[in-house]
N, C-alpha and C. Protein backbone atom coordinates (compact mmCIF):
# COMPACT_ATOMS: atom_id res chain seq x y z
N UNK A 1 178.66 57.30 175.53
CA UNK A 1 177.91 58.18 174.64
C UNK A 1 177.97 57.61 173.23
N UNK A 2 176.91 56.93 172.84
CA UNK A 2 176.91 56.26 171.53
C UNK A 2 176.28 57.11 170.44
N UNK A 3 175.62 58.20 170.81
CA UNK A 3 175.04 59.11 169.81
C UNK A 3 174.75 60.45 170.47
N UNK A 4 174.65 61.48 169.64
CA UNK A 4 174.27 62.81 170.10
C UNK A 4 172.99 63.21 169.38
N UNK A 5 172.00 63.65 170.15
CA UNK A 5 170.69 64.02 169.61
C UNK A 5 170.54 65.54 169.74
N UNK A 6 170.36 66.20 168.63
CA UNK A 6 170.37 67.66 168.59
C UNK A 6 168.97 68.26 168.46
N UNK A 7 168.65 69.21 169.30
CA UNK A 7 167.55 70.11 169.02
C UNK A 7 168.01 71.05 167.91
N UNK A 8 167.05 71.71 167.24
CA UNK A 8 167.41 72.60 166.14
C UNK A 8 167.31 74.07 166.52
N UNK A 9 166.08 74.57 166.69
CA UNK A 9 165.86 76.01 166.91
C UNK A 9 166.45 76.46 168.23
N UNK A 10 167.40 77.38 168.16
CA UNK A 10 168.01 77.92 169.37
C UNK A 10 169.17 77.12 169.90
N UNK A 11 169.40 75.93 169.34
CA UNK A 11 170.51 75.09 169.78
C UNK A 11 171.57 74.98 168.69
N UNK A 12 171.15 74.57 167.51
CA UNK A 12 172.06 74.53 166.36
C UNK A 12 172.10 75.87 165.64
N UNK A 13 170.91 76.39 165.38
CA UNK A 13 170.80 77.66 164.66
C UNK A 13 169.95 78.63 165.46
N UNK A 14 170.28 79.90 165.33
CA UNK A 14 169.59 80.93 166.12
C UNK A 14 168.31 81.37 165.39
N UNK A 15 167.47 80.39 165.11
CA UNK A 15 166.25 80.63 164.33
C UNK A 15 165.11 81.17 165.19
N UNK A 16 165.25 81.14 166.51
CA UNK A 16 164.19 81.67 167.36
C UNK A 16 163.89 83.13 167.01
N UNK A 17 164.92 83.88 166.62
CA UNK A 17 164.70 85.28 166.27
C UNK A 17 163.89 85.42 164.99
N UNK A 18 164.01 84.44 164.07
CA UNK A 18 163.19 84.46 162.86
C UNK A 18 161.74 84.12 163.19
N UNK A 19 161.55 83.19 164.12
CA UNK A 19 160.19 82.90 164.60
C UNK A 19 159.59 84.16 165.22
N UNK A 20 160.41 84.92 165.94
CA UNK A 20 159.93 86.17 166.55
C UNK A 20 159.38 87.12 165.49
N UNK A 21 160.08 87.21 164.36
CA UNK A 21 159.63 88.11 163.28
C UNK A 21 158.25 87.68 162.78
N UNK A 22 158.08 86.38 162.57
CA UNK A 22 156.80 85.88 162.06
C UNK A 22 155.69 86.05 163.09
N UNK A 23 155.98 85.74 164.34
CA UNK A 23 154.97 85.87 165.38
C UNK A 23 154.56 87.33 165.58
N UNK A 24 155.54 88.22 165.56
CA UNK A 24 155.22 89.64 165.72
C UNK A 24 154.36 90.16 164.57
N UNK A 25 154.60 89.65 163.37
CA UNK A 25 153.80 90.05 162.22
C UNK A 25 152.36 89.55 162.37
N UNK A 26 152.21 88.35 162.91
CA UNK A 26 150.87 87.81 163.15
C UNK A 26 150.13 88.66 164.17
N UNK A 27 150.82 89.05 165.22
CA UNK A 27 150.20 89.90 166.24
C UNK A 27 149.83 91.27 165.65
N UNK A 28 150.72 91.82 164.82
CA UNK A 28 150.44 93.11 164.20
C UNK A 28 149.16 93.06 163.37
N UNK A 29 148.95 91.95 162.68
CA UNK A 29 147.74 91.78 161.87
C UNK A 29 146.49 91.91 162.73
N UNK A 30 146.60 91.45 163.98
CA UNK A 30 145.46 91.51 164.90
C UNK A 30 145.50 92.75 165.79
N UNK A 31 146.40 93.70 165.47
CA UNK A 31 146.47 94.95 166.21
C UNK A 31 146.92 94.79 167.64
N UNK A 32 147.82 93.83 167.88
CA UNK A 32 148.27 93.54 169.24
C UNK A 32 149.78 93.37 169.27
N UNK A 33 150.32 93.24 170.47
CA UNK A 33 151.74 93.01 170.69
C UNK A 33 151.91 91.80 171.59
N UNK A 34 152.79 90.89 171.22
CA UNK A 34 153.02 89.69 172.01
C UNK A 34 153.74 90.04 173.31
N UNK A 35 153.26 89.50 174.41
CA UNK A 35 153.90 89.76 175.70
C UNK A 35 155.17 88.94 175.83
N UNK A 36 156.08 89.45 176.64
CA UNK A 36 157.33 88.73 176.90
C UNK A 36 157.03 87.38 177.57
N UNK A 37 156.06 87.35 178.43
CA UNK A 37 155.69 86.11 179.12
C UNK A 37 155.26 85.04 178.12
N UNK A 38 154.45 85.45 177.13
CA UNK A 38 154.00 84.50 176.12
C UNK A 38 155.17 84.02 175.27
N UNK A 39 156.05 84.94 174.85
CA UNK A 39 157.18 84.52 174.02
C UNK A 39 158.06 83.53 174.75
N UNK A 40 158.27 83.75 176.04
CA UNK A 40 159.07 82.82 176.83
C UNK A 40 158.41 81.45 176.87
N UNK A 41 157.10 81.42 177.02
CA UNK A 41 156.37 80.16 177.09
C UNK A 41 156.42 79.40 175.77
N UNK A 42 156.62 80.11 174.65
CA UNK A 42 156.59 79.48 173.34
C UNK A 42 157.92 78.86 172.93
N UNK A 43 158.99 79.14 173.63
CA UNK A 43 160.30 78.61 173.24
C UNK A 43 160.27 77.08 173.32
N UNK A 44 160.50 76.44 172.19
CA UNK A 44 160.52 74.98 172.13
C UNK A 44 159.16 74.33 171.96
N UNK A 45 158.08 75.12 171.93
CA UNK A 45 156.73 74.56 171.87
C UNK A 45 156.41 74.03 170.48
N UNK A 46 155.44 73.12 170.41
CA UNK A 46 154.97 72.61 169.13
C UNK A 46 154.12 73.67 168.44
N UNK A 47 153.84 73.45 167.15
CA UNK A 47 153.05 74.41 166.39
C UNK A 47 151.66 74.57 167.00
N UNK A 48 151.05 73.46 167.38
CA UNK A 48 149.70 73.51 167.95
C UNK A 48 149.69 74.25 169.27
N UNK A 49 150.64 73.93 170.13
CA UNK A 49 150.73 74.60 171.43
C UNK A 49 150.98 76.10 171.24
N UNK A 50 151.84 76.42 170.28
CA UNK A 50 152.13 77.82 170.01
C UNK A 50 150.87 78.58 169.63
N UNK A 51 150.11 78.04 168.69
CA UNK A 51 148.97 78.79 168.19
C UNK A 51 147.84 78.86 169.21
N UNK A 52 147.65 77.82 170.00
CA UNK A 52 146.64 77.88 171.06
C UNK A 52 147.00 78.97 172.07
N UNK A 53 148.27 79.06 172.42
CA UNK A 53 148.73 80.11 173.34
C UNK A 53 148.52 81.49 172.74
N UNK A 54 148.86 81.63 171.46
CA UNK A 54 148.70 82.91 170.78
C UNK A 54 147.22 83.31 170.71
N UNK A 55 146.37 82.38 170.31
CA UNK A 55 144.94 82.67 170.21
C UNK A 55 144.36 83.04 171.57
N UNK A 56 144.86 82.40 172.62
CA UNK A 56 144.38 82.71 173.97
C UNK A 56 144.75 84.14 174.34
N UNK A 57 145.99 84.52 174.08
CA UNK A 57 146.42 85.87 174.42
C UNK A 57 145.68 86.92 173.58
N UNK A 58 145.40 86.59 172.32
CA UNK A 58 144.70 87.53 171.45
C UNK A 58 143.19 87.56 171.69
N UNK A 59 142.71 86.62 172.50
CA UNK A 59 141.28 86.57 172.78
C UNK A 59 140.47 86.06 171.61
N UNK A 60 141.08 85.24 170.75
CA UNK A 60 140.41 84.70 169.58
C UNK A 60 139.76 83.36 169.91
N UNK A 61 138.69 83.06 169.21
CA UNK A 61 138.02 81.77 169.36
C UNK A 61 138.94 80.65 168.89
N UNK A 62 138.97 79.55 169.63
CA UNK A 62 139.86 78.44 169.29
C UNK A 62 139.23 77.55 168.22
N UNK A 63 138.90 78.15 167.09
CA UNK A 63 138.33 77.40 165.98
C UNK A 63 139.43 76.58 165.32
N UNK A 64 139.27 75.26 165.23
CA UNK A 64 140.34 74.40 164.70
C UNK A 64 140.78 74.80 163.30
N UNK A 65 139.84 75.18 162.44
CA UNK A 65 140.20 75.55 161.07
C UNK A 65 141.01 76.84 161.06
N UNK A 66 140.62 77.80 161.89
CA UNK A 66 141.35 79.06 161.95
C UNK A 66 142.75 78.84 162.51
N UNK A 67 142.86 78.02 163.54
CA UNK A 67 144.18 77.72 164.12
C UNK A 67 145.07 77.04 163.09
N UNK A 68 144.51 76.08 162.36
CA UNK A 68 145.29 75.39 161.33
C UNK A 68 145.76 76.36 160.26
N UNK A 69 144.89 77.29 159.87
CA UNK A 69 145.27 78.29 158.87
C UNK A 69 146.38 79.20 159.37
N UNK A 70 146.31 79.59 160.64
CA UNK A 70 147.35 80.45 161.21
C UNK A 70 148.68 79.72 161.31
N UNK A 71 148.62 78.44 161.65
CA UNK A 71 149.85 77.63 161.72
C UNK A 71 150.50 77.57 160.34
N UNK A 72 149.69 77.34 159.31
CA UNK A 72 150.22 77.26 157.96
C UNK A 72 150.84 78.60 157.54
N UNK A 73 150.15 79.69 157.87
CA UNK A 73 150.71 81.01 157.54
C UNK A 73 152.04 81.23 158.26
N UNK A 74 152.08 80.88 159.54
CA UNK A 74 153.29 81.07 160.32
C UNK A 74 154.44 80.28 159.72
N UNK A 75 154.17 79.03 159.33
CA UNK A 75 155.22 78.20 158.75
C UNK A 75 155.66 78.73 157.39
N UNK A 76 154.72 79.16 156.57
CA UNK A 76 155.07 79.68 155.25
C UNK A 76 155.95 80.93 155.36
N UNK A 77 155.55 81.84 156.26
CA UNK A 77 156.31 83.08 156.43
C UNK A 77 157.70 82.78 156.98
N UNK A 78 157.79 81.86 157.96
CA UNK A 78 159.08 81.53 158.56
C UNK A 78 159.96 80.78 157.56
N UNK A 79 159.35 79.93 156.73
CA UNK A 79 160.11 79.20 155.72
C UNK A 79 160.81 80.16 154.77
N UNK A 80 160.12 81.22 154.38
CA UNK A 80 160.73 82.22 153.51
C UNK A 80 161.95 82.86 154.19
N UNK A 81 161.84 83.09 155.51
CA UNK A 81 162.97 83.64 156.25
C UNK A 81 164.11 82.62 156.34
N UNK A 82 163.76 81.35 156.55
CA UNK A 82 164.77 80.29 156.60
C UNK A 82 165.56 80.23 155.30
N UNK A 83 164.85 80.42 154.18
CA UNK A 83 165.51 80.31 152.88
C UNK A 83 166.60 81.37 152.70
N UNK A 84 166.52 82.43 153.49
CA UNK A 84 167.54 83.46 153.43
C UNK A 84 168.83 83.07 154.15
N UNK A 85 168.82 81.90 154.79
CA UNK A 85 169.99 81.43 155.53
C UNK A 85 169.78 81.53 157.02
N UNK A 86 170.27 80.53 157.75
CA UNK A 86 170.09 80.47 159.19
C UNK A 86 171.42 80.74 159.89
N UNK A 87 171.42 81.64 160.87
CA UNK A 87 172.67 81.91 161.60
C UNK A 87 172.98 80.79 162.59
N UNK A 88 174.20 80.32 162.58
CA UNK A 88 174.61 79.26 163.51
C UNK A 88 174.72 79.79 164.93
N UNK A 89 174.36 78.97 165.90
CA UNK A 89 174.66 79.28 167.29
C UNK A 89 176.16 79.08 167.51
N UNK A 90 176.78 79.84 168.40
CA UNK A 90 178.23 79.75 168.59
C UNK A 90 178.70 78.33 168.88
N UNK A 91 179.64 77.86 168.11
CA UNK A 91 180.26 76.57 168.33
C UNK A 91 179.49 75.38 167.80
N UNK A 92 178.27 75.59 167.30
CA UNK A 92 177.43 74.45 166.89
C UNK A 92 177.99 73.76 165.65
N UNK A 93 178.31 74.53 164.64
CA UNK A 93 178.81 73.91 163.41
C UNK A 93 180.14 73.21 163.65
N UNK A 94 180.99 73.82 164.45
CA UNK A 94 182.28 73.20 164.77
C UNK A 94 182.08 71.89 165.52
N UNK A 95 181.08 71.84 166.40
CA UNK A 95 180.81 70.60 167.13
C UNK A 95 180.28 69.51 166.19
N UNK A 96 179.41 69.88 165.27
CA UNK A 96 178.94 68.91 164.28
C UNK A 96 180.11 68.32 163.51
N UNK A 97 181.01 69.18 163.07
CA UNK A 97 182.16 68.71 162.30
C UNK A 97 183.05 67.79 163.14
N UNK A 98 183.23 68.15 164.41
CA UNK A 98 184.07 67.33 165.28
C UNK A 98 183.47 65.94 165.49
N UNK A 99 182.15 65.89 165.68
CA UNK A 99 181.49 64.60 165.90
C UNK A 99 181.48 63.76 164.63
N UNK A 100 181.29 64.39 163.49
CA UNK A 100 181.35 63.67 162.22
C UNK A 100 182.74 63.07 162.02
N UNK A 101 183.78 63.82 162.35
CA UNK A 101 185.15 63.33 162.16
C UNK A 101 185.46 62.13 163.03
N UNK A 102 184.71 61.98 164.14
CA UNK A 102 184.90 60.85 165.03
C UNK A 102 183.83 59.78 164.83
N UNK A 103 183.04 59.93 163.76
CA UNK A 103 182.02 58.95 163.38
C UNK A 103 180.98 58.71 164.47
N UNK A 104 180.62 59.77 165.20
CA UNK A 104 179.57 59.68 166.22
C UNK A 104 178.22 59.87 165.53
N UNK A 105 177.31 58.89 165.63
CA UNK A 105 175.98 59.05 165.03
C UNK A 105 175.25 60.24 165.65
N UNK A 106 174.50 60.96 164.81
CA UNK A 106 173.74 62.11 165.30
C UNK A 106 172.34 62.10 164.73
N UNK A 107 171.42 62.65 165.51
CA UNK A 107 170.03 62.80 165.08
C UNK A 107 169.61 64.24 165.29
N UNK A 108 168.77 64.74 164.40
CA UNK A 108 168.11 66.02 164.59
C UNK A 108 166.72 65.72 165.16
N UNK A 109 166.40 66.33 166.30
CA UNK A 109 165.14 66.05 167.00
C UNK A 109 164.46 67.39 167.27
N UNK A 110 163.42 67.70 166.51
CA UNK A 110 162.84 69.03 166.57
C UNK A 110 161.32 68.98 166.64
N UNK A 111 160.74 69.98 167.29
CA UNK A 111 159.28 70.13 167.29
C UNK A 111 158.78 70.75 165.99
N UNK A 112 159.69 71.28 165.20
CA UNK A 112 159.32 71.88 163.93
C UNK A 112 158.76 70.82 162.99
N UNK A 113 157.75 71.18 162.21
CA UNK A 113 157.15 70.23 161.29
C UNK A 113 158.09 69.92 160.14
N UNK A 114 157.91 68.72 159.54
CA UNK A 114 158.84 68.22 158.53
C UNK A 114 159.04 69.20 157.37
N UNK A 115 157.96 69.76 156.86
CA UNK A 115 158.06 70.63 155.70
C UNK A 115 159.02 71.80 155.96
N UNK A 116 158.90 72.39 157.14
CA UNK A 116 159.77 73.52 157.47
C UNK A 116 161.16 73.05 157.86
N UNK A 117 161.27 71.91 158.54
CA UNK A 117 162.58 71.37 158.91
C UNK A 117 163.42 71.09 157.67
N UNK A 118 162.78 70.61 156.61
CA UNK A 118 163.51 70.36 155.37
C UNK A 118 164.10 71.64 154.81
N UNK A 119 163.36 72.75 154.93
CA UNK A 119 163.88 74.03 154.46
C UNK A 119 165.08 74.45 155.30
N UNK A 120 165.00 74.18 156.61
CA UNK A 120 166.12 74.51 157.49
C UNK A 120 167.34 73.66 157.17
N UNK A 121 167.11 72.39 156.85
CA UNK A 121 168.22 71.49 156.55
C UNK A 121 168.96 71.89 155.28
N UNK A 122 168.28 72.63 154.40
CA UNK A 122 168.98 73.16 153.23
C UNK A 122 170.11 74.08 153.64
N UNK A 123 169.93 74.75 154.78
CA UNK A 123 170.95 75.66 155.29
C UNK A 123 171.94 74.94 156.20
N UNK A 124 171.41 74.09 157.08
CA UNK A 124 172.27 73.42 158.07
C UNK A 124 173.15 72.36 157.42
N UNK A 125 172.52 71.50 156.60
CA UNK A 125 173.23 70.37 155.99
C UNK A 125 172.71 69.04 156.50
N UNK A 126 172.11 68.26 155.62
CA UNK A 126 171.54 66.96 156.01
C UNK A 126 172.61 65.93 156.33
N UNK A 127 173.78 66.09 155.74
CA UNK A 127 174.80 65.06 155.83
C UNK A 127 175.29 64.83 157.26
N UNK A 128 175.01 65.76 158.16
CA UNK A 128 175.46 65.57 159.54
C UNK A 128 174.66 64.50 160.28
N UNK A 129 173.43 64.25 159.86
CA UNK A 129 172.49 63.48 160.67
C UNK A 129 172.18 62.12 160.08
N UNK A 130 172.29 61.10 160.93
CA UNK A 130 171.90 59.75 160.53
C UNK A 130 170.39 59.66 160.38
N UNK A 131 169.67 60.30 161.30
CA UNK A 131 168.20 60.32 161.25
C UNK A 131 167.72 61.72 161.65
N UNK A 132 166.50 62.05 161.25
CA UNK A 132 165.85 63.28 161.68
C UNK A 132 164.43 62.95 162.10
N UNK A 133 163.98 63.58 163.19
CA UNK A 133 162.62 63.37 163.71
C UNK A 133 161.97 64.73 163.91
N UNK A 134 160.77 64.90 163.36
CA UNK A 134 160.07 66.18 163.43
C UNK A 134 158.79 66.06 164.26
N UNK A 135 158.29 67.22 164.67
CA UNK A 135 157.17 67.25 165.61
C UNK A 135 155.89 66.64 165.09
N UNK A 136 155.70 66.65 163.75
CA UNK A 136 154.48 66.09 163.19
C UNK A 136 154.62 64.62 162.81
N UNK A 137 155.70 63.98 163.28
CA UNK A 137 155.93 62.57 162.96
C UNK A 137 155.84 61.66 164.19
N UNK A 138 155.44 62.22 165.32
CA UNK A 138 155.32 61.46 166.56
C UNK A 138 153.96 61.76 167.19
N UNK A 139 153.47 60.88 168.08
CA UNK A 139 152.15 61.11 168.69
C UNK A 139 152.06 62.44 169.42
N UNK A 140 153.11 62.80 170.15
CA UNK A 140 153.13 64.07 170.89
C UNK A 140 154.52 64.68 170.78
N UNK A 141 154.57 65.99 170.57
CA UNK A 141 155.85 66.66 170.50
C UNK A 141 156.41 66.97 171.89
N UNK A 142 157.59 67.58 171.92
CA UNK A 142 158.17 68.01 173.18
C UNK A 142 157.18 68.94 173.90
N UNK A 143 157.01 68.84 175.20
CA UNK A 143 157.85 68.19 176.21
C UNK A 143 157.61 66.70 176.42
N UNK A 144 156.71 66.09 175.63
CA UNK A 144 156.57 64.63 175.70
C UNK A 144 157.88 63.99 175.22
N UNK A 145 158.18 62.80 175.67
CA UNK A 145 159.45 62.17 175.30
C UNK A 145 159.46 61.57 173.90
N UNK A 146 158.30 61.55 173.24
CA UNK A 146 158.15 60.82 171.98
C UNK A 146 159.21 61.12 170.92
N UNK A 147 159.56 62.40 170.67
CA UNK A 147 160.57 62.65 169.63
C UNK A 147 161.92 62.01 169.94
N UNK A 148 162.33 62.07 171.19
CA UNK A 148 163.62 61.48 171.55
C UNK A 148 163.57 59.96 171.58
N UNK A 149 162.46 59.41 172.01
CA UNK A 149 162.31 57.95 171.97
C UNK A 149 162.38 57.45 170.53
N UNK A 150 161.74 58.19 169.63
CA UNK A 150 161.75 57.79 168.22
C UNK A 150 163.14 57.90 167.64
N UNK A 151 163.87 58.94 167.96
CA UNK A 151 165.22 59.11 167.43
C UNK A 151 166.13 57.96 167.88
N UNK A 152 166.06 57.63 169.17
CA UNK A 152 166.88 56.53 169.68
C UNK A 152 166.50 55.22 169.00
N UNK A 153 165.20 55.01 168.82
CA UNK A 153 164.73 53.79 168.15
C UNK A 153 165.29 53.70 166.73
N UNK A 154 165.23 54.80 165.98
CA UNK A 154 165.73 54.79 164.61
C UNK A 154 167.23 54.55 164.55
N UNK A 155 167.94 54.97 165.60
CA UNK A 155 169.38 54.73 165.66
C UNK A 155 169.73 53.34 166.18
N UNK A 156 168.72 52.61 166.66
CA UNK A 156 168.95 51.29 167.22
C UNK A 156 169.62 51.32 168.58
N UNK A 157 169.36 52.40 169.34
CA UNK A 157 169.99 52.58 170.64
C UNK A 157 168.95 52.78 171.73
N UNK A 158 169.37 52.60 172.97
CA UNK A 158 168.55 52.99 174.11
C UNK A 158 168.73 54.49 174.34
N UNK A 159 167.69 55.20 174.77
CA UNK A 159 167.84 56.63 175.04
C UNK A 159 168.97 56.93 176.04
N UNK A 160 169.16 56.02 176.99
CA UNK A 160 170.21 56.22 177.98
C UNK A 160 171.62 56.16 177.41
N UNK A 161 171.75 55.69 176.17
CA UNK A 161 173.05 55.67 175.49
C UNK A 161 173.37 57.00 174.80
N UNK A 162 172.41 57.93 174.85
CA UNK A 162 172.51 59.15 174.04
C UNK A 162 172.63 60.40 174.89
N UNK A 163 173.34 61.39 174.35
CA UNK A 163 173.40 62.72 174.94
C UNK A 163 172.56 63.65 174.07
N UNK A 164 171.56 64.29 174.67
CA UNK A 164 170.75 65.29 173.97
C UNK A 164 171.32 66.67 174.26
N UNK A 165 171.30 67.52 173.25
CA UNK A 165 171.73 68.91 173.42
C UNK A 165 170.53 69.81 173.16
N UNK A 166 170.16 70.60 174.16
CA UNK A 166 168.93 71.38 174.13
C UNK A 166 169.17 72.80 174.65
N UNK A 167 168.23 73.70 174.31
CA UNK A 167 168.34 75.07 174.80
C UNK A 167 167.13 75.51 175.62
N UNK A 168 166.06 74.70 175.66
CA UNK A 168 164.81 75.14 176.27
C UNK A 168 164.35 74.20 177.38
N UNK A 169 163.46 74.72 178.22
CA UNK A 169 162.84 73.89 179.25
C UNK A 169 162.04 72.77 178.60
N UNK A 170 161.28 73.12 177.56
CA UNK A 170 160.44 72.14 176.86
C UNK A 170 161.27 70.98 176.32
N UNK A 171 162.34 71.32 175.61
CA UNK A 171 163.17 70.29 175.01
C UNK A 171 163.95 69.47 176.02
N UNK A 172 164.48 70.14 177.05
CA UNK A 172 165.23 69.43 178.08
C UNK A 172 164.34 68.45 178.83
N UNK A 173 163.11 68.87 179.07
CA UNK A 173 162.15 68.00 179.75
C UNK A 173 161.86 66.77 178.90
N UNK A 174 161.68 66.96 177.59
CA UNK A 174 161.40 65.85 176.69
C UNK A 174 162.54 64.84 176.68
N UNK A 175 163.77 65.35 176.54
CA UNK A 175 164.94 64.46 176.49
C UNK A 175 165.11 63.71 177.80
N UNK A 176 164.92 64.42 178.90
CA UNK A 176 165.08 63.80 180.21
C UNK A 176 164.01 62.73 180.45
N UNK A 177 162.78 63.02 180.05
CA UNK A 177 161.71 62.03 180.21
C UNK A 177 161.97 60.78 179.38
N UNK A 178 162.64 60.96 178.24
CA UNK A 178 162.96 59.81 177.40
C UNK A 178 164.07 58.96 178.01
N UNK A 179 164.86 59.55 178.91
CA UNK A 179 165.95 58.82 179.54
C UNK A 179 167.32 59.21 179.04
N UNK A 180 167.40 60.28 178.27
CA UNK A 180 168.69 60.76 177.77
C UNK A 180 169.42 61.58 178.82
N UNK A 181 170.74 61.58 178.73
CA UNK A 181 171.52 62.61 179.42
C UNK A 181 171.36 63.89 178.61
N UNK A 182 171.39 65.04 179.29
CA UNK A 182 171.08 66.29 178.60
C UNK A 182 172.15 67.34 178.89
N UNK A 183 172.69 67.93 177.83
CA UNK A 183 173.53 69.12 177.94
C UNK A 183 172.67 70.30 177.54
N UNK A 184 172.49 71.23 178.46
CA UNK A 184 171.66 72.41 178.21
C UNK A 184 172.55 73.59 177.87
N UNK A 185 172.29 74.19 176.72
CA UNK A 185 172.99 75.41 176.31
C UNK A 185 171.91 76.47 176.12
N UNK A 186 171.52 77.18 177.19
CA UNK A 186 170.38 78.10 177.10
C UNK A 186 170.61 79.19 176.06
N UNK A 187 169.52 79.56 175.38
CA UNK A 187 169.58 80.63 174.40
C UNK A 187 169.01 81.90 175.01
N UNK A 188 167.69 82.06 174.98
CA UNK A 188 167.07 83.27 175.53
C UNK A 188 166.43 83.06 176.89
N UNK A 189 166.12 81.80 177.23
CA UNK A 189 165.33 81.52 178.42
C UNK A 189 166.12 80.62 179.38
N UNK A 190 166.24 80.97 180.65
CA UNK A 190 166.95 80.12 181.61
C UNK A 190 166.29 78.74 181.72
N UNK A 191 167.11 77.72 181.91
CA UNK A 191 166.63 76.34 182.06
C UNK A 191 167.12 75.82 183.40
N UNK A 192 166.21 75.40 184.29
CA UNK A 192 166.66 74.92 185.60
C UNK A 192 167.45 73.62 185.50
N UNK A 193 168.25 73.36 186.50
CA UNK A 193 169.04 72.15 186.52
C UNK A 193 168.25 70.96 187.03
N UNK A 194 168.81 69.77 186.85
CA UNK A 194 168.23 68.54 187.40
C UNK A 194 169.32 67.48 187.40
N UNK A 195 168.98 66.29 187.89
CA UNK A 195 169.99 65.25 188.04
C UNK A 195 170.57 64.80 186.71
N UNK A 196 169.78 64.83 185.65
CA UNK A 196 170.24 64.33 184.35
C UNK A 196 170.60 65.46 183.39
N UNK A 197 170.80 66.66 183.92
CA UNK A 197 171.18 67.80 183.09
C UNK A 197 172.50 68.40 183.55
N UNK A 198 173.26 68.88 182.59
CA UNK A 198 174.41 69.73 182.85
C UNK A 198 174.30 70.95 181.95
N UNK A 199 174.87 72.06 182.37
CA UNK A 199 174.75 73.31 181.63
C UNK A 199 176.10 73.76 181.08
N UNK A 200 176.03 74.40 179.93
CA UNK A 200 177.19 75.09 179.36
C UNK A 200 176.71 76.42 178.82
N UNK A 201 177.50 77.46 178.97
CA UNK A 201 177.11 78.78 178.46
C UNK A 201 177.08 78.79 176.95
N UNK A 202 177.95 77.97 176.32
CA UNK A 202 178.05 77.95 174.87
C UNK A 202 178.74 76.66 174.45
N UNK A 203 178.52 76.27 173.19
CA UNK A 203 179.27 75.14 172.63
C UNK A 203 180.65 75.57 172.17
N UNK A 204 180.84 76.87 172.01
CA UNK A 204 182.13 77.38 171.57
C UNK A 204 183.21 77.01 172.59
N UNK A 205 184.30 76.46 172.11
CA UNK A 205 185.38 76.07 173.00
C UNK A 205 185.27 74.64 173.51
N UNK A 206 184.12 73.99 173.30
CA UNK A 206 183.96 72.59 173.69
C UNK A 206 184.35 71.69 172.52
N UNK A 207 184.66 70.44 172.83
CA UNK A 207 184.94 69.46 171.79
C UNK A 207 184.22 68.16 172.10
N UNK A 208 184.41 67.15 171.26
CA UNK A 208 183.72 65.88 171.45
C UNK A 208 184.09 65.24 172.78
N UNK A 209 185.33 65.41 173.21
CA UNK A 209 185.76 64.85 174.49
C UNK A 209 184.98 65.48 175.64
N UNK A 210 184.69 66.77 175.54
CA UNK A 210 183.92 67.45 176.59
C UNK A 210 182.51 66.88 176.67
N UNK A 211 181.90 66.59 175.52
CA UNK A 211 180.57 65.97 175.54
C UNK A 211 180.62 64.60 176.19
N UNK A 212 181.66 63.84 175.92
CA UNK A 212 181.77 62.52 176.53
C UNK A 212 181.92 62.63 178.05
N UNK A 213 182.67 63.62 178.50
CA UNK A 213 182.82 63.81 179.94
C UNK A 213 181.49 64.15 180.59
N UNK A 214 180.70 65.00 179.94
CA UNK A 214 179.37 65.34 180.45
C UNK A 214 178.51 64.10 180.53
N UNK A 215 178.51 63.31 179.47
CA UNK A 215 177.70 62.09 179.45
C UNK A 215 178.13 61.13 180.56
N UNK A 216 179.44 60.90 180.69
CA UNK A 216 179.93 59.95 181.70
C UNK A 216 179.55 60.38 183.10
N UNK A 217 179.64 61.67 183.38
CA UNK A 217 179.30 62.18 184.70
C UNK A 217 177.83 61.94 185.02
N UNK A 218 176.96 62.25 184.08
CA UNK A 218 175.52 62.03 184.30
C UNK A 218 175.22 60.55 184.44
N UNK A 219 175.83 59.74 183.57
CA UNK A 219 175.58 58.30 183.58
C UNK A 219 176.08 57.67 184.87
N UNK A 220 177.26 58.08 185.33
CA UNK A 220 177.83 57.53 186.56
C UNK A 220 176.96 57.87 187.76
N UNK A 221 176.50 59.11 187.83
CA UNK A 221 175.65 59.50 188.95
C UNK A 221 174.30 58.79 188.92
N UNK A 222 173.78 58.53 187.72
CA UNK A 222 172.52 57.80 187.61
C UNK A 222 172.69 56.36 188.09
N UNK A 223 173.82 55.75 187.76
CA UNK A 223 174.09 54.38 188.22
C UNK A 223 174.28 54.32 189.72
N UNK A 224 174.94 55.35 190.28
CA UNK A 224 175.15 55.39 191.72
C UNK A 224 173.81 55.50 192.46
N UNK A 225 172.87 56.26 191.90
CA UNK A 225 171.57 56.43 192.54
C UNK A 225 170.76 55.15 192.56
N UNK A 226 170.98 54.31 191.57
CA UNK A 226 170.20 53.06 191.47
C UNK A 226 170.93 51.86 192.06
N UNK A 227 172.17 52.08 192.50
CA UNK A 227 172.96 50.96 193.04
C UNK A 227 172.42 50.53 194.41
């Protein structure tokens, strides 16, 4: 395990609930209520995917200018909430500190756009990350592998040398497609297992050695399958 690649929303910080506030306000403006099915589908989605799904449920015309305007409103409203401070997910900050103390390179890999991610980093702390990759800086966001491929490239590593930590189906799929080992710490939505995934209920109580054990187990089994 030569690096750890972190998702942000729902993995490091419990910001999904702040997104809920903004999304619910958008629905209220249109006199509607977001369905649980739609909210589940939006966990980990890119801004474009989110708004297309929202417009579909609201029965709105998929006008590109209107969608772009709604995305900007959503980001502006959520940014204001971010500025109030982001709640840490259990054990996340302690794990960042543990990895920093052992000089393990880390990347932030998020579908969130750069402008909003920078606001979040004011709360989280930029000093933890060697590189950061945002959803508007790659050809395709998660579940495409592009964000994780870019992060590994910036670190000068192969994706298979990295452990990704994710909370969503979308993010886990992206990391796995890139070739990373994946530790899944589900937040609100269950994430199915696979050969390159392991699950933990929480980061609380884990340490850097535990992450290395997860990585070694996945890597060893992958080598056995190809032997």
